[in-house]
Amino acid sequence: MSTGGFKTLLRWHWISSALCLIGMLVFAITGFTLNHAADIEAQPSLTRWQATLPAPVLAAVQAARPAQAGGSAPVPATLRQWATQTHGLRLPAGLAPEWSDEELYLAMPRPGGDAWLRVDLRAGEAEFEDSDRGVLALLNDLHKGRHTGAVWRAFLDVFAAGCLVFCITGLLILHRHAGQRALTWPLTAAGFVLPALLVLLFIH
């Protein structure tokens, strides 16, 4: 490899390492916490409330119910406005609730937590619950891309590509210096052989 090519290689290596450094640290930490999830207990913080819908709001929800069983319809704007004004709850307009003859059920999962809203279409009773499992659960779910949406998943793809660039350029730099470092290839091989042996011997 020419001197100019090697300088370009080093440039790609340090740029990719700088871009991926914080992400790799967070993913390493959350990889550990996910591996020991059963040993790390978290007490979720619960928020619950029940309320009776005003008659105009209930009528709007009933009118929005799909005519056919299993049909889909968005959350009525009147219900979203009522939830925001009376309980400070912002219902995502893009989420499609589950409709039945008896109720509207809206699931609102998110990284590190979960929430749902149920509305009895006959009695007009609304019930809400929000469960927040804390920062560690948030980071674990971000690691897995759980309930994160398309933008975060796209970021994970870009981050994975950056890590590939970092690893491949690092391997090429190792190749460049391997002649002066006798342990380069034995250690590199050990990084492959050890996990392979663990899989063969202890995972069935």
Protein backbone atom coordinates (compact mmCIF):
# COMPACT_ATOMS: atom_id res chain seq x y z
CA MET A 1 0.00 0.00 0.00
CA SER A 2 1.35 3.42 -0.93
CA THR A 3 2.01 6.13 1.66
CA GLY A 4 -0.93 8.19 0.36
CA GLY A 5 -3.25 5.20 0.49
CA PHE A 6 -2.19 4.41 4.05
CA LYS A 7 -2.81 8.00 5.14
CA THR A 8 -6.31 7.77 3.63
CA LEU A 9 -6.85 4.50 5.50
CA LEU A 10 -5.80 6.13 8.78
CA ARG A 11 -8.12 9.06 8.09
CA TRP A 12 -11.11 6.76 7.56
CA HIS A 13 -10.17 4.82 10.69
CA TRP A 14 -9.98 7.78 13.04
CA ILE A 15 -13.06 9.48 11.60
CA SER A 16 -15.17 6.31 11.94
CA SER A 17 -13.81 5.70 15.45
CA ALA A 18 -14.65 9.27 16.51
CA LEU A 19 -18.17 9.04 15.09
CA CYS A 20 -18.86 5.65 16.66
CA LEU A 21 -17.02 6.06 19.98
CA ILE A 22 -19.93 7.14 22.20
CA GLY A 23 -22.33 4.75 20.50
CA MET A 24 -19.95 1.82 20.94
CA LEU A 25 -19.48 2.64 24.63
CA VAL A 26 -23.25 2.81 25.18
CA PHE A 27 -23.84 -0.40 23.22
CA ALA A 28 -21.10 -2.18 25.20
CA ILE A 29 -22.67 -1.09 28.50
CA THR A 30 -26.20 -2.01 27.45
CA GLY A 31 -24.93 -5.30 26.05
CA PHE A 32 -23.75 -6.10 29.58
CA THR A 33 -26.99 -4.95 31.19
CA LEU A 34 -29.08 -6.93 28.70
CA ASN A 35 -26.98 -10.03 29.40
CA HIS A 36 -27.73 -9.59 33.12
CA ALA A 37 -31.29 -8.30 32.78
CA ALA A 38 -32.62 -10.91 35.23
CA ASP A 39 -30.15 -9.74 37.90
CA ILE A 40 -30.87 -6.02 37.52
CA GLU A 41 -34.29 -5.31 38.97
CA ALA A 42 -36.16 -2.16 38.11
CA GLN A 43 -39.32 -0.91 39.81
CA PRO A 44 -41.54 0.67 37.17
CA SER A 45 -43.22 3.97 37.93
CA LEU A 46 -46.96 3.67 37.27
CA THR A 47 -49.42 6.42 36.45
CA ARG A 48 -53.11 5.53 36.33
CA TRP A 49 -56.36 7.40 36.04
CA GLN A 50 -60.00 6.78 35.26
CA ALA A 51 -62.54 9.28 34.00
CA THR A 52 -65.94 9.52 32.37
CA LEU A 53 -66.07 11.04 28.92
CA PRO A 54 -68.36 14.04 28.42
CA ALA A 55 -71.39 13.14 26.35
CA PRO A 56 -70.23 15.04 23.19
CA VAL A 57 -66.82 13.33 23.31
CA LEU A 58 -68.39 9.89 23.78
CA ALA A 59 -70.76 10.52 20.88
CA ALA A 60 -67.83 11.48 18.63
CA VAL A 61 -65.95 8.32 19.60
CA GLN A 62 -69.01 6.15 18.97
CA ALA A 63 -69.52 7.80 15.59
CA ALA A 64 -65.90 7.14 14.63
CA ARG A 65 -66.14 3.41 15.30
CA PRO A 66 -65.72 1.40 12.07
CA ALA A 67 -68.92 -0.09 10.73
CA GLN A 68 -67.34 -3.50 10.17
CA ALA A 69 -65.77 -5.60 12.89
CA GLY A 70 -61.98 -5.51 12.67
CA GLY A 71 -62.01 -2.28 10.69
CA SER A 72 -59.63 0.58 11.35
CA ALA A 73 -60.19 4.22 12.12
CA PRO A 74 -57.94 6.89 13.66
CA VAL A 75 -58.31 8.29 17.15
CA PRO A 76 -61.05 10.92 16.97
CA ALA A 77 -59.71 14.47 17.26
CA THR A 78 -62.32 15.23 19.94
CA LEU A 79 -60.94 12.45 22.16
CA ARG A 80 -57.37 13.62 21.65
CA GLN A 81 -58.32 17.19 22.54
CA TRP A 82 -60.18 16.05 25.67
CA ALA A 83 -57.25 13.87 26.84
CA THR A 84 -54.81 16.76 26.38
CA GLN A 85 -56.94 19.40 28.08
CA THR A 86 -58.11 17.33 31.06
CA HIS A 87 -55.15 15.02 31.72
CA GLY A 88 -52.19 16.48 29.82
CA LEU A 89 -52.09 13.31 27.70
CA ARG A 90 -51.07 13.74 24.07
CA LEU A 91 -52.45 10.87 22.00
CA PRO A 92 -50.43 10.25 18.82
CA ALA A 93 -52.66 10.94 15.84
CA GLY A 94 -50.85 8.38 13.68
CA LEU A 95 -51.53 5.38 15.95
CA ALA A 96 -54.47 3.20 14.97
CA PRO A 97 -56.52 1.97 17.94
CA GLU A 98 -58.12 -1.45 18.18
CA TRP A 99 -61.89 -1.22 17.87
CA SER A 100 -64.55 -3.65 19.02
CA ASP A 101 -68.28 -3.35 19.70
CA GLU A 102 -67.53 -2.70 23.37
CA GLU A 103 -64.37 -0.61 23.48
CA LEU A 104 -61.59 1.41 21.91
CA TYR A 105 -58.12 0.29 22.95
CA LEU A 106 -55.01 2.30 22.10
CA ALA A 107 -51.56 0.82 22.81
CA MET A 108 -48.71 3.33 23.13
CA PRO A 109 -45.47 1.39 23.65
CA ARG A 110 -42.18 3.30 23.73
CA PRO A 111 -38.53 2.63 24.64
CA GLY A 112 -38.28 2.12 28.38
CA GLY A 113 -42.00 2.20 28.99
CA ASP A 114 -45.50 1.38 27.92
CA ALA A 115 -48.89 3.03 28.03
CA TRP A 116 -52.45 2.26 27.00
CA LEU A 117 -55.87 3.87 26.92
CA ARG A 118 -59.16 2.02 27.00
CA VAL A 119 -62.56 3.59 26.39
CA ASP A 120 -65.81 1.76 27.11
CA LEU A 121 -67.99 2.70 24.14
CA ARG A 122 -71.23 2.08 26.00
CA ALA A 123 -70.62 3.51 29.46
CA GLY A 124 -68.13 6.17 28.35
CA GLU A 125 -65.55 5.16 30.98
CA ALA A 126 -61.93 5.88 30.05
CA GLU A 127 -59.02 4.13 31.74
CA PHE A 128 -55.34 5.00 31.26
CA GLU A 129 -52.11 3.45 32.51
CA ASP A 130 -48.49 4.47 31.93
CA SER A 131 -45.51 2.39 33.03
CA ASP A 132 -42.02 3.96 33.06
CA ARG A 133 -39.21 1.44 33.68
CA GLY A 134 -36.42 4.01 33.99
CA VAL A 135 -33.30 5.14 32.14
CA LEU A 136 -31.65 1.71 32.03
CA ALA A 137 -34.69 0.17 30.37
CA LEU A 138 -34.73 3.10 27.94
CA LEU A 139 -31.09 2.47 26.94
CA ASN A 140 -31.69 -1.28 26.66
CA ASP A 141 -34.66 -0.72 24.33
CA LEU A 142 -32.64 1.75 22.25
CA HIS A 143 -29.96 -0.96 21.95
CA LYS A 144 -32.55 -3.39 20.58
CA GLY A 145 -34.42 -0.81 18.49
CA ARG A 146 -37.61 -1.72 20.39
CA HIS A 147 -40.54 0.63 19.74
CA THR A 148 -38.13 3.29 18.45
CA GLY A 149 -39.59 4.15 15.06
CA ALA A 150 -38.09 4.35 11.58
CA VAL A 151 -35.68 7.23 12.23
CA TRP A 152 -33.86 5.47 15.08
CA ARG A 153 -33.73 2.20 13.13
CA ALA A 154 -32.17 4.10 10.21
CA PHE A 155 -29.61 5.57 12.62
CA LEU A 156 -28.76 2.06 13.83
CA ASP A 157 -28.10 1.01 10.22
CA VAL A 158 -25.79 4.00 9.69
CA PHE A 159 -24.06 3.34 13.02
CA ALA A 160 -23.53 -0.31 12.06
CA ALA A 161 -21.98 0.80 8.76
CA GLY A 162 -19.65 3.15 10.65
CA CYS A 163 -18.58 0.30 12.93
CA LEU A 164 -17.85 -1.86 9.88
CA VAL A 165 -15.64 0.88 8.44
CA PHE A 166 -13.83 1.17 11.79
CA CYS A 167 -13.25 -2.59 12.02
CA ILE A 168 -12.20 -3.12 8.39
CA THR A 169 -9.79 -0.18 8.38
CA GLY A 170 -8.41 -1.42 11.70
CA LEU A 171 -7.82 -4.84 10.17
CA LEU A 172 -5.97 -3.28 7.23
CA ILE A 173 -3.83 -1.23 9.63
CA LEU A 174 -3.04 -4.42 11.55
CA HIS A 175 -1.98 -6.01 8.26
CA ARG A 176 0.32 -3.06 7.59
CA HIS A 177 2.09 -3.41 10.98
CA ALA A 178 1.89 -7.20 11.35
CA GLY A 179 5.50 -7.65 10.27
CA GLN A 180 6.74 -5.72 13.32
CA ARG A 181 4.26 -7.29 15.78
CA ALA A 182 4.48 -11.06 15.97
CA LEU A 183 1.30 -11.49 18.02
CA THR A 184 -0.94 -9.64 15.57
CA TRP A 185 -2.41 -12.63 13.75
CA PRO A 186 -2.45 -15.08 16.71
CA LEU A 187 -4.46 -12.55 18.73
CA THR A 188 -6.73 -11.81 15.79
CA ALA A 189 -7.34 -15.53 15.28
CA ALA A 190 -8.03 -15.95 19.00
CA GLY A 191 -10.81 -13.35 18.72
CA PHE A 192 -12.54 -15.71 16.27
CA VAL A 193 -11.58 -19.11 17.68
CA LEU A 194 -12.56 -18.43 21.31
CA PRO A 195 -16.22 -17.45 20.60
CA ALA A 196 -16.50 -20.34 18.11
CA LEU A 197 -15.29 -22.82 20.75
CA LEU A 198 -17.71 -21.44 23.32
CA VAL A 199 -20.59 -21.88 20.87
CA LEU A 200 -19.54 -25.45 20.00
CA LEU A 201 -18.87 -26.57 23.57
CA PHE A 202 -21.46 -24.77 25.70
CA ILE A 203 -24.40 -23.74 23.50
CA HIS A 204 -26.71 -26.55 22.45
